[in-house]
Amino acid sequence: MEAVYLLFILLLSIFVGFELIQKVPATLHTPLMSGANAISGITLVGALALAGDDSLGKYAGMLGAFAVFLATINVVGGYLVTDRMLAMFKKKR
């Protein structure tokens, strides 16, 4: 029964997230998404904790390592997008 509640929360968060992102103007989408990707470094910390915990089992460690990989890509991508965006506002010599 708890799985039904968790599935409901997941589906509700997907719907609310989609509705919120859809209403953001195109000029604000990139700054908001690059900031959100950079903030997802918190996810990286959680994934590192999961990957390093031996008491959870072999599959949890493998899933944690995969989460570390994906979160690292997300964080680096967020910083690259932000850097590229800020470069557009620098004066050209």
Protein backbone atom coordinates (compact mmCIF):
# COMPACT_ATOMS: atom_id res chain seq x y z
CA MET A 1 0.00 0.00 0.00
CA GLU A 2 2.92 2.32 0.69
CA ALA A 3 4.14 1.81 -2.88
CA VAL A 4 0.84 3.22 -4.17
CA TYR A 5 1.34 6.39 -2.13
CA LEU A 6 4.92 6.75 -3.34
CA LEU A 7 3.81 6.22 -6.95
CA PHE A 8 1.09 8.85 -6.47
CA ILE A 9 3.63 11.35 -5.10
CA LEU A 10 5.97 10.64 -8.03
CA LEU A 11 3.22 11.14 -10.62
CA LEU A 12 1.98 14.28 -8.89
CA SER A 13 5.48 15.77 -8.79
CA ILE A 14 6.01 14.98 -12.48
CA PHE A 15 2.73 16.71 -13.35
CA VAL A 16 3.42 19.78 -11.18
CA GLY A 17 6.99 20.06 -12.50
CA PHE A 18 5.81 19.85 -16.09
CA GLU A 19 3.17 22.52 -15.51
CA LEU A 20 5.65 24.86 -13.81
CA ILE A 21 8.32 24.51 -16.50
CA GLN A 22 5.75 24.95 -19.26
CA LYS A 23 4.74 28.36 -17.88
CA VAL A 24 8.31 29.73 -17.71
CA PRO A 25 9.12 32.16 -20.55
CA ALA A 26 11.84 31.09 -22.97
CA THR A 27 14.15 33.92 -21.88
CA LEU A 28 14.19 32.62 -18.31
CA HIS A 29 14.33 28.90 -19.03
CA THR A 30 18.10 28.57 -19.48
CA PRO A 31 19.11 30.53 -16.35
CA LEU A 32 16.63 28.63 -14.20
CA MET A 33 17.67 25.24 -15.54
CA SER A 34 21.38 25.92 -15.22
CA GLY A 35 20.85 27.03 -11.64
CA ALA A 36 18.77 23.94 -10.90
CA ASN A 37 21.46 21.71 -12.37
CA ALA A 38 24.11 23.35 -10.25
CA ILE A 39 21.98 22.95 -7.14
CA SER A 40 21.65 19.25 -7.89
CA GLY A 41 25.06 18.87 -6.31
CA ILE A 42 22.98 17.93 -3.25
CA THR A 43 21.92 14.87 -5.23
CA LEU A 44 25.58 14.09 -5.77
CA VAL A 45 26.21 14.12 -2.02
CA GLY A 46 23.28 11.74 -1.44
CA ALA A 47 24.47 9.44 -4.22
CA LEU A 48 27.96 9.36 -2.72
CA ALA A 49 26.49 8.40 0.64
CA LEU A 50 24.47 5.61 -0.97
CA ALA A 51 27.40 4.32 -3.00
CA GLY A 52 29.67 4.24 0.04
CA ASP A 53 27.28 2.38 2.38
CA ASP A 54 28.20 -1.32 2.37
CA SER A 55 25.32 -2.34 4.64
CA LEU A 56 22.71 -1.77 1.92
CA GLY A 57 23.93 -4.50 -0.39
CA LYS A 58 25.65 -4.91 -3.72
CA TYR A 59 22.84 -3.59 -5.90
CA ALA A 60 22.40 -0.43 -3.82
CA GLY A 61 26.12 0.28 -4.20
CA MET A 62 25.94 -0.20 -7.97
CA LEU A 63 22.85 2.00 -8.17
CA GLY A 64 24.61 4.60 -6.01
CA ALA A 65 27.65 4.56 -8.32
CA PHE A 66 25.39 5.05 -11.32
CA ALA A 67 23.63 7.92 -9.49
CA VAL A 68 27.03 9.51 -8.80
CA PHE A 69 27.83 9.31 -12.51
CA LEU A 70 24.52 10.88 -13.59
CA ALA A 71 24.57 13.59 -10.90
CA THR A 72 28.14 14.53 -11.85
CA ILE A 73 27.11 14.96 -15.49
CA ASN A 74 24.17 17.10 -14.36
CA VAL A 75 26.27 19.35 -12.13
CA VAL A 76 29.05 19.82 -14.69
CA GLY A 77 26.47 20.52 -17.40
CA GLY A 78 24.82 23.15 -15.21
CA TYR A 79 28.09 24.94 -14.65
CA LEU A 80 29.01 24.77 -18.34
CA VAL A 81 25.67 26.25 -19.38
CA THR A 82 26.00 29.00 -16.78
CA ASP A 83 29.54 29.80 -17.92
CA ARG A 84 28.45 29.95 -21.54
CA MET A 85 25.53 32.19 -20.63
CA LEU A 86 27.74 34.58 -18.67
CA ALA A 87 30.22 34.70 -21.56
CA MET A 88 27.48 36.15 -23.76
CA PHE A 89 27.32 39.23 -21.52
CA LYS A 90 31.05 39.99 -21.49
CA LYS A 91 32.23 42.91 -23.56
CA LYS A 92 34.11 41.99 -26.71
CA ARG A 93 37.47 43.64 -27.25
